[in-house]
ModelCIF file with pLDDT and N, C-alpha, C, O atoms, coordinates in Angstrom:
data_MODEL
#
_entry.id   MODEL 
#
_entity.id                         1 
_entity.type                       polymer 
_entity.pdbx_number_of_molecules   1 
#
_entity_poly.entity_id                      1 
_entity_poly.type                           'polypeptide(L)' 
_entity_poly.nstd_linkage                   no 
_entity_poly.nstd_monomer                   no 
_entity_poly.pdbx_seq_one_letter_code       RSVEEFEEKLKSMHVDAVIAGNGGCGLCTPKETGSCI 
_entity_poly.pdbx_seq_one_letter_code_can   RSVEEFEEKLKSMHVDAVIAGNGGCGLCTPKETGSCI 
_entity_poly.pdbx_strand_id                 A 
#
loop_
_entity_poly_seq.entity_id 
_entity_poly_seq.num 
_entity_poly_seq.mon_id 
_entity_poly_seq.hetero 
1 1  ARG n 
1 2  SER n 
1 3  VAL n 
1 4  GLU n 
1 5  GLU n 
1 6  PHE n 
1 7  GLU n 
1 8  GLU n 
1 9  LYS n 
1 10 LEU n 
1 11 LYS n 
1 12 SER n 
1 13 MET n 
1 14 HIS n 
1 15 VAL n 
1 16 ASP n 
1 17 ALA n 
1 18 VAL n 
1 19 ILE n 
1 20 ALA n 
1 21 GLY n 
1 22 ASN n 
1 23 GLY n 
1 24 GLY n 
1 25 CYS n 
1 26 GLY n 
1 27 LEU n 
1 28 CYS n 
1 29 THR n 
1 30 PRO n 
1 31 LYS n 
1 32 GLU n 
1 33 THR n 
1 34 GLY n 
1 35 SER n 
1 36 CYS n 
1 37 ILE n 
#
_struct_asym.id          A 
_struct_asym.entity_id   1 
#
loop_
_ma_qa_metric.id 
_ma_qa_metric.mode 
_ma_qa_metric.name 
_ma_qa_metric.software_group_id 
_ma_qa_metric.type 
1 global pLDDT . pLDDT 
2 local  pLDDT . pLDDT 
#
_ma_qa_metric_global.metric_id      1 
_ma_qa_metric_global.metric_value   89.89 
_ma_qa_metric_global.model_id       1 
_ma_qa_metric_global.ordinal_id     1 
#
loop_
_ma_qa_metric_local.label_asym_id 
_ma_qa_metric_local.label_comp_id 
_ma_qa_metric_local.label_seq_id 
_ma_qa_metric_local.metric_id 
_ma_qa_metric_local.metric_value 
_ma_qa_metric_local.model_id 
_ma_qa_metric_local.ordinal_id 
A ARG 1  2 88.00 1 1  
A SER 2  2 86.00 1 2  
A VAL 3  2 88.00 1 3  
A GLU 4  2 90.00 1 4  
A GLU 5  2 90.00 1 5  
A PHE 6  2 91.00 1 6  
A GLU 7  2 91.00 1 7  
A GLU 8  2 92.00 1 8  
A LYS 9  2 93.00 1 9  
A LEU 10 2 94.00 1 10 
A LYS 11 2 93.00 1 11 
A SER 12 2 93.00 1 12 
A MET 13 2 93.00 1 13 
A HIS 14 2 94.00 1 14 
A VAL 15 2 95.00 1 15 
A ASP 16 2 95.00 1 16 
A ALA 17 2 95.00 1 17 
A VAL 18 2 95.00 1 18 
A ILE 19 2 95.00 1 19 
A ALA 20 2 93.00 1 20 
A GLY 21 2 88.00 1 21 
A ASN 22 2 88.00 1 22 
A GLY 23 2 89.00 1 23 
A GLY 24 2 86.00 1 24 
A CYS 25 2 84.00 1 25 
A GLY 26 2 77.00 1 26 
A LEU 27 2 76.00 1 27 
A CYS 28 2 86.00 1 28 
A THR 29 2 87.00 1 29 
A PRO 30 2 85.00 1 30 
A LYS 31 2 87.00 1 31 
A GLU 32 2 91.00 1 32 
A THR 33 2 91.00 1 33 
A GLY 34 2 90.00 1 34 
A SER 35 2 91.00 1 35 
A CYS 36 2 93.00 1 36 
A ILE 37 2 93.00 1 37 
#
loop_
_atom_site.group_PDB 
_atom_site.id 
_atom_site.type_symbol 
_atom_site.label_atom_id 
_atom_site.label_alt_id 
_atom_site.label_comp_id 
_atom_site.label_asym_id 
_atom_site.label_entity_id 
_atom_site.label_seq_id 
_atom_site.pdbx_PDB_ins_code 
_atom_site.Cartn_x 
_atom_site.Cartn_y 
_atom_site.Cartn_z 
_atom_site.occupancy 
_atom_site.B_iso_or_equiv 
_atom_site.pdbx_formal_charge 
_atom_site.auth_seq_id 
_atom_site.auth_comp_id 
_atom_site.auth_asym_id 
_atom_site.auth_atom_id 
_atom_site.pdbx_PDB_model_num 
ATOM 1   N N  . ARG A 1 1  ? 14.403 -6.492  -2.609 1.00 88.00 ? 1  ARG A N  1 
ATOM 2   C CA . ARG A 1 1  ? 14.820 -5.147  -2.209 1.00 88.00 ? 1  ARG A CA 1 
ATOM 3   C C  . ARG A 1 1  ? 14.968 -5.020  -0.701 1.00 88.00 ? 1  ARG A C  1 
ATOM 4   O O  . ARG A 1 1  ? 15.917 -4.395  -0.228 1.00 88.00 ? 1  ARG A O  1 
ATOM 5   N N  . SER A 1 2  ? 14.035 -5.609  0.074  1.00 86.00 ? 2  SER A N  1 
ATOM 6   C CA . SER A 1 2  ? 14.111 -5.473  1.533  1.00 86.00 ? 2  SER A CA 1 
ATOM 7   C C  . SER A 1 2  ? 15.404 -6.071  2.080  1.00 86.00 ? 2  SER A C  1 
ATOM 8   O O  . SER A 1 2  ? 15.984 -5.539  3.027  1.00 86.00 ? 2  SER A O  1 
ATOM 9   N N  . VAL A 1 3  ? 15.857 -7.176  1.487  1.00 88.00 ? 3  VAL A N  1 
ATOM 10  C CA . VAL A 1 3  ? 17.109 -7.800  1.917  1.00 88.00 ? 3  VAL A CA 1 
ATOM 11  C C  . VAL A 1 3  ? 18.290 -6.915  1.565  1.00 88.00 ? 3  VAL A C  1 
ATOM 12  O O  . VAL A 1 3  ? 19.180 -6.700  2.388  1.00 88.00 ? 3  VAL A O  1 
ATOM 13  N N  . GLU A 1 4  ? 18.300 -6.405  0.352  1.00 90.00 ? 4  GLU A N  1 
ATOM 14  C CA . GLU A 1 4  ? 19.409 -5.556  -0.084 1.00 90.00 ? 4  GLU A CA 1 
ATOM 15  C C  . GLU A 1 4  ? 19.501 -4.287  0.765  1.00 90.00 ? 4  GLU A C  1 
ATOM 16  O O  . GLU A 1 4  ? 20.594 -3.853  1.130  1.00 90.00 ? 4  GLU A O  1 
ATOM 17  N N  . GLU A 1 5  ? 18.343 -3.696  1.075  1.00 90.00 ? 5  GLU A N  1 
ATOM 18  C CA . GLU A 1 5  ? 18.349 -2.481  1.896  1.00 90.00 ? 5  GLU A CA 1 
ATOM 19  C C  . GLU A 1 5  ? 18.835 -2.780  3.316  1.00 90.00 ? 5  GLU A C  1 
ATOM 20  O O  . GLU A 1 5  ? 19.580 -1.998  3.907  1.00 90.00 ? 5  GLU A O  1 
ATOM 21  N N  . PHE A 1 6  ? 18.405 -3.911  3.845  1.00 91.00 ? 6  PHE A N  1 
ATOM 22  C CA . PHE A 1 6  ? 18.839 -4.295  5.195  1.00 91.00 ? 6  PHE A CA 1 
ATOM 23  C C  . PHE A 1 6  ? 20.347 -4.547  5.219  1.00 91.00 ? 6  PHE A C  1 
ATOM 24  O O  . PHE A 1 6  ? 21.031 -4.122  6.150  1.00 91.00 ? 6  PHE A O  1 
ATOM 25  N N  . GLU A 1 7  ? 20.857 -5.224  4.221  1.00 91.00 ? 7  GLU A N  1 
ATOM 26  C CA . GLU A 1 7  ? 22.300 -5.494  4.150  1.00 91.00 ? 7  GLU A CA 1 
ATOM 27  C C  . GLU A 1 7  ? 23.091 -4.197  4.058  1.00 91.00 ? 7  GLU A C  1 
ATOM 28  O O  . GLU A 1 7  ? 24.138 -4.060  4.691  1.00 91.00 ? 7  GLU A O  1 
ATOM 29  N N  . GLU A 1 8  ? 22.597 -3.247  3.275  1.00 92.00 ? 8  GLU A N  1 
ATOM 30  C CA . GLU A 1 8  ? 23.296 -1.961  3.142  1.00 92.00 ? 8  GLU A CA 1 
ATOM 31  C C  . GLU A 1 8  ? 23.331 -1.216  4.474  1.00 92.00 ? 8  GLU A C  1 
ATOM 32  O O  . GLU A 1 8  ? 24.332 -0.579  4.802  1.00 92.00 ? 8  GLU A O  1 
ATOM 33  N N  . LYS A 1 9  ? 22.235 -1.294  5.248  1.00 93.00 ? 9  LYS A N  1 
ATOM 34  C CA . LYS A 1 9  ? 22.208 -0.626  6.554  1.00 93.00 ? 9  LYS A CA 1 
ATOM 35  C C  . LYS A 1 9  ? 23.118 -1.330  7.551  1.00 93.00 ? 9  LYS A C  1 
ATOM 36  O O  . LYS A 1 9  ? 23.755 -0.680  8.379  1.00 93.00 ? 9  LYS A O  1 
ATOM 37  N N  . LEU A 1 10 ? 23.180 -2.662  7.474  1.00 94.00 ? 10 LEU A N  1 
ATOM 38  C CA . LEU A 1 10 ? 24.116 -3.384  8.348  1.00 94.00 ? 10 LEU A CA 1 
ATOM 39  C C  . LEU A 1 10 ? 25.539 -2.911  8.118  1.00 94.00 ? 10 LEU A C  1 
ATOM 40  O O  . LEU A 1 10 ? 26.312 -2.730  9.059  1.00 94.00 ? 10 LEU A O  1 
ATOM 41  N N  . LYS A 1 11 ? 25.871 -2.713  6.849  1.00 93.00 ? 11 LYS A N  1 
ATOM 42  C CA . LYS A 1 11 ? 27.239 -2.278  6.519  1.00 93.00 ? 11 LYS A CA 1 
ATOM 43  C C  . LYS A 1 11 ? 27.464 -0.808  6.868  1.00 93.00 ? 11 LYS A C  1 
ATOM 44  O O  . LYS A 1 11 ? 28.488 -0.465  7.457  1.00 93.00 ? 11 LYS A O  1 
ATOM 45  N N  . SER A 1 12 ? 26.524 0.055   6.513  1.00 93.00 ? 12 SER A N  1 
ATOM 46  C CA . SER A 1 12 ? 26.734 1.490   6.734  1.00 93.00 ? 12 SER A CA 1 
ATOM 47  C C  . SER A 1 12 ? 26.705 1.858   8.215  1.00 93.00 ? 12 SER A C  1 
ATOM 48  O O  . SER A 1 12 ? 27.349 2.821   8.629  1.00 93.00 ? 12 SER A O  1 
ATOM 49  N N  . MET A 1 13 ? 25.957 1.090   9.016  1.00 93.00 ? 13 MET A N  1 
ATOM 50  C CA . MET A 1 13 ? 25.885 1.342   10.453 1.00 93.00 ? 13 MET A CA 1 
ATOM 51  C C  . MET A 1 13 ? 26.930 0.566   11.236 1.00 93.00 ? 13 MET A C  1 
ATOM 52  O O  . MET A 1 13 ? 26.985 0.645   12.463 1.00 93.00 ? 13 MET A O  1 
ATOM 53  N N  . HIS A 1 14 ? 27.763 -0.187  10.518 1.00 94.00 ? 14 HIS A N  1 
ATOM 54  C CA . HIS A 1 14 ? 28.862 -0.947  11.129 1.00 94.00 ? 14 HIS A CA 1 
ATOM 55  C C  . HIS A 1 14 ? 28.364 -1.877  12.236 1.00 94.00 ? 14 HIS A C  1 
ATOM 56  O O  . HIS A 1 14 ? 28.923 -1.916  13.332 1.00 94.00 ? 14 HIS A O  1 
ATOM 57  N N  . VAL A 1 15 ? 27.303 -2.625  11.928 1.00 95.00 ? 15 VAL A N  1 
ATOM 58  C CA . VAL A 1 15 ? 26.697 -3.530  12.902 1.00 95.00 ? 15 VAL A CA 1 
ATOM 59  C C  . VAL A 1 15 ? 27.620 -4.723  13.134 1.00 95.00 ? 15 VAL A C  1 
ATOM 60  O O  . VAL A 1 15 ? 28.154 -5.300  12.186 1.00 95.00 ? 15 VAL A O  1 
ATOM 61  N N  . ASP A 1 16 ? 27.803 -5.089  14.409 1.00 95.00 ? 16 ASP A N  1 
ATOM 62  C CA . ASP A 1 16 ? 28.674 -6.203  14.784 1.00 95.00 ? 16 ASP A CA 1 
ATOM 63  C C  . ASP A 1 16 ? 27.900 -7.481  15.112 1.00 95.00 ? 16 ASP A C  1 
ATOM 64  O O  . ASP A 1 16 ? 28.465 -8.573  15.071 1.00 95.00 ? 16 ASP A O  1 
ATOM 65  N N  . ALA A 1 17 ? 26.611 -7.352  15.437 1.00 95.00 ? 17 ALA A N  1 
ATOM 66  C CA . ALA A 1 17 ? 25.803 -8.532  15.774 1.00 95.00 ? 17 ALA A CA 1 
ATOM 67  C C  . ALA A 1 17 ? 24.335 -8.218  15.539 1.00 95.00 ? 17 ALA A C  1 
ATOM 68  O O  . ALA A 1 17 ? 23.912 -7.067  15.640 1.00 95.00 ? 17 ALA A O  1 
ATOM 69  N N  . VAL A 1 18 ? 23.552 -9.262  15.220 1.00 95.00 ? 18 VAL A N  1 
ATOM 70  C CA . VAL A 1 18 ? 22.118 -9.106  14.978 1.00 95.00 ? 18 VAL A CA 1 
ATOM 71  C C  . VAL A 1 18 ? 21.354 -10.065 15.884 1.00 95.00 ? 18 VAL A C  1 
ATOM 72  O O  . VAL A 1 18 ? 21.670 -11.252 15.961 1.00 95.00 ? 18 VAL A O  1 
ATOM 73  N N  . ILE A 1 19 ? 20.348 -9.533  16.565 1.00 95.00 ? 19 ILE A N  1 
ATOM 74  C CA . ILE A 1 19 ? 19.411 -10.325 17.351 1.00 95.00 ? 19 ILE A CA 1 
ATOM 75  C C  . ILE A 1 19 ? 18.047 -10.137 16.701 1.00 95.00 ? 19 ILE A C  1 
ATOM 76  O O  . ILE A 1 19 ? 17.574 -9.005  16.600 1.00 95.00 ? 19 ILE A O  1 
ATOM 77  N N  . ALA A 1 20 ? 17.396 -11.223 16.252 1.00 93.00 ? 20 ALA A N  1 
ATOM 78  C CA . ALA A 1 20 ? 16.132 -11.114 15.531 1.00 93.00 ? 20 ALA A CA 1 
ATOM 79  C C  . ALA A 1 20 ? 15.059 -11.958 16.206 1.00 93.00 ? 20 ALA A C  1 
ATOM 80  O O  . ALA A 1 20 ? 15.358 -12.957 16.859 1.00 93.00 ? 20 ALA A O  1 
ATOM 81  N N  . GLY A 1 21 ? 13.815 -11.544 16.041 1.00 88.00 ? 21 GLY A N  1 
ATOM 82  C CA . GLY A 1 21 ? 12.687 -12.311 16.583 1.00 88.00 ? 21 GLY A CA 1 
ATOM 83  C C  . GLY A 1 21 ? 11.411 -11.497 16.522 1.00 88.00 ? 21 GLY A C  1 
ATOM 84  O O  . GLY A 1 21 ? 11.452 -10.325 16.148 1.00 88.00 ? 21 GLY A O  1 
ATOM 85  N N  . ASN A 1 22 ? 10.295 -12.075 16.872 1.00 88.00 ? 22 ASN A N  1 
ATOM 86  C CA . ASN A 1 22 ? 10.243 -13.373 17.558 1.00 88.00 ? 22 ASN A CA 1 
ATOM 87  C C  . ASN A 1 22 ? 9.554  -14.391 16.654 1.00 88.00 ? 22 ASN A C  1 
ATOM 88  O O  . ASN A 1 22 ? 8.474  -14.124 16.127 1.00 88.00 ? 22 ASN A O  1 
ATOM 89  N N  . GLY A 1 23 ? 10.166 -15.538 16.477 1.00 89.00 ? 23 GLY A N  1 
ATOM 90  C CA . GLY A 1 23 ? 9.592  -16.593 15.666 1.00 89.00 ? 23 GLY A CA 1 
ATOM 91  C C  . GLY A 1 23 ? 8.578  -17.389 16.456 1.00 89.00 ? 23 GLY A C  1 
ATOM 92  O O  . GLY A 1 23 ? 8.937  -18.191 17.318 1.00 89.00 ? 23 GLY A O  1 
ATOM 93  N N  . GLY A 1 24 ? 7.302  -17.162 16.159 1.00 86.00 ? 24 GLY A N  1 
ATOM 94  C CA . GLY A 1 24 ? 6.260  -17.860 16.900 1.00 86.00 ? 24 GLY A CA 1 
ATOM 95  C C  . GLY A 1 24 ? 5.173  -18.441 16.033 1.00 86.00 ? 24 GLY A C  1 
ATOM 96  O O  . GLY A 1 24 ? 4.154  -18.899 16.552 1.00 86.00 ? 24 GLY A O  1 
ATOM 97  N N  . CYS A 1 25 ? 5.361  -18.435 14.697 1.00 84.00 ? 25 CYS A N  1 
ATOM 98  C CA . CYS A 1 25 ? 4.403  -19.078 13.796 1.00 84.00 ? 25 CYS A CA 1 
ATOM 99  C C  . CYS A 1 25 ? 5.146  -19.526 12.542 1.00 84.00 ? 25 CYS A C  1 
ATOM 100 O O  . CYS A 1 25 ? 6.316  -19.198 12.344 1.00 84.00 ? 25 CYS A O  1 
ATOM 101 N N  . GLY A 1 26 ? 4.448  -20.277 11.706 1.00 77.00 ? 26 GLY A N  1 
ATOM 102 C CA . GLY A 1 26 ? 5.103  -20.889 10.547 1.00 77.00 ? 26 GLY A CA 1 
ATOM 103 C C  . GLY A 1 26 ? 5.527  -19.913 9.475  1.00 77.00 ? 26 GLY A C  1 
ATOM 104 O O  . GLY A 1 26 ? 6.437  -20.212 8.702  1.00 77.00 ? 26 GLY A O  1 
ATOM 105 N N  . LEU A 1 27 ? 4.882  -18.734 9.403  1.00 76.00 ? 27 LEU A N  1 
ATOM 106 C CA . LEU A 1 27 ? 5.267  -17.744 8.405  1.00 76.00 ? 27 LEU A CA 1 
ATOM 107 C C  . LEU A 1 27 ? 6.208  -16.687 8.963  1.00 76.00 ? 27 LEU A C  1 
ATOM 108 O O  . LEU A 1 27 ? 7.076  -16.189 8.246  1.00 76.00 ? 27 LEU A O  1 
ATOM 109 N N  . CYS A 1 28 ? 6.042  -16.335 10.253 1.00 86.00 ? 28 CYS A N  1 
ATOM 110 C CA . CYS A 1 28 ? 6.895  -15.279 10.813 1.00 86.00 ? 28 CYS A CA 1 
ATOM 111 C C  . CYS A 1 28 ? 8.296  -15.801 11.133 1.00 86.00 ? 28 CYS A C  1 
ATOM 112 O O  . CYS A 1 28 ? 9.253  -15.027 11.118 1.00 86.00 ? 28 CYS A O  1 
ATOM 113 N N  . THR A 1 29 ? 8.437  -17.084 11.419 1.00 87.00 ? 29 THR A N  1 
ATOM 114 C CA . THR A 1 29 ? 9.767  -17.607 11.753 1.00 87.00 ? 29 THR A CA 1 
ATOM 115 C C  . THR A 1 29 ? 10.741 -17.485 10.585 1.00 87.00 ? 29 THR A C  1 
ATOM 116 O O  . THR A 1 29 ? 11.850 -16.991 10.789 1.00 87.00 ? 29 THR A O  1 
ATOM 117 N N  . PRO A 1 30 ? 10.381 -17.912 9.361  1.00 85.00 ? 30 PRO A N  1 
ATOM 118 C CA . PRO A 1 30 ? 11.300 -17.673 8.229  1.00 85.00 ? 30 PRO A CA 1 
ATOM 119 C C  . PRO A 1 30 ? 11.541 -16.193 7.970  1.00 85.00 ? 30 PRO A C  1 
ATOM 120 O O  . PRO A 1 30 ? 12.635 -15.801 7.565  1.00 85.00 ? 30 PRO A O  1 
ATOM 121 N N  . LYS A 1 31 ? 10.519 -15.367 8.202  1.00 87.00 ? 31 LYS A N  1 
ATOM 122 C CA . LYS A 1 31 ? 10.670 -13.923 7.977  1.00 87.00 ? 31 LYS A CA 1 
ATOM 123 C C  . LYS A 1 31 ? 11.713 -13.334 8.919  1.00 87.00 ? 31 LYS A C  1 
ATOM 124 O O  . LYS A 1 31 ? 12.576 -12.568 8.490  1.00 87.00 ? 31 LYS A O  1 
ATOM 125 N N  . GLU A 1 32 ? 11.636 -13.689 10.203 1.00 91.00 ? 32 GLU A N  1 
ATOM 126 C CA . GLU A 1 32 ? 12.600 -13.148 11.159 1.00 91.00 ? 32 GLU A CA 1 
ATOM 127 C C  . GLU A 1 32 ? 13.973 -13.794 10.994 1.00 91.00 ? 32 GLU A C  1 
ATOM 128 O O  . GLU A 1 32 ? 14.993 -13.141 11.214 1.00 91.00 ? 32 GLU A O  1 
ATOM 129 N N  . THR A 1 33 ? 14.008 -15.067 10.610 1.00 91.00 ? 33 THR A N  1 
ATOM 130 C CA . THR A 1 33 ? 15.297 -15.731 10.372 1.00 91.00 ? 33 THR A CA 1 
ATOM 131 C C  . THR A 1 33 ? 16.027 -15.082 9.211  1.00 91.00 ? 33 THR A C  1 
ATOM 132 O O  . THR A 1 33 ? 17.256 -15.113 9.152  1.00 91.00 ? 33 THR A O  1 
ATOM 133 N N  . GLY A 1 34 ? 15.275 -14.493 8.283  1.00 90.00 ? 34 GLY A N  1 
ATOM 134 C CA . GLY A 1 34 ? 15.893 -13.837 7.122  1.00 90.00 ? 34 GLY A CA 1 
ATOM 135 C C  . GLY A 1 34 ? 16.884 -12.759 7.511  1.00 90.00 ? 34 GLY A C  1 
ATOM 136 O O  . GLY A 1 34 ? 17.894 -12.579 6.831  1.00 90.00 ? 34 GLY A O  1 
ATOM 137 N N  . SER A 1 35 ? 16.616 -12.030 8.599  1.00 91.00 ? 35 SER A N  1 
ATOM 138 C CA . SER A 1 35 ? 17.557 -10.990 9.055  1.00 91.00 ? 35 SER A CA 1 
ATOM 139 C C  . SER A 1 35 ? 18.868 -11.620 9.517  1.00 91.00 ? 35 SER A C  1 
ATOM 140 O O  . SER A 1 35 ? 19.943 -11.063 9.293  1.00 91.00 ? 35 SER A O  1 
ATOM 141 N N  . CYS A 1 36 ? 18.774 -12.787 10.165 1.00 93.00 ? 36 CYS A N  1 
ATOM 142 C CA . CYS A 1 36 ? 19.984 -13.488 10.606 1.00 93.00 ? 36 CYS A CA 1 
ATOM 143 C C  . CYS A 1 36 ? 20.771 -14.027 9.421  1.00 93.00 ? 36 CYS A C  1 
ATOM 144 O O  . CYS A 1 36 ? 22.000 -13.964 9.405  1.00 93.00 ? 36 CYS A O  1 
ATOM 145 N N  . ILE A 1 37 ? 20.067 -14.552 8.438  1.00 93.00 ? 37 ILE A N  1 
ATOM 146 C CA . ILE A 1 37 ? 20.744 -15.080 7.244  1.00 93.00 ? 37 ILE A CA 1 
ATOM 147 C C  . ILE A 1 37 ? 21.506 -13.967 6.541  1.00 93.00 ? 37 ILE A C  1 
ATOM 148 O O  . ILE A 1 37 ? 22.142 -14.207 5.515  1.00 93.00 ? 37 ILE A O  1 
#
């Protein structure tokens, strides 16, 4: 659900670029990379 909601907001807000972070541990890095994916 969190991915689907984020994708819907990217589209509805007409986002042109995403900057995500900060990846500084083994669990948070995949979590923050998820927004970029």
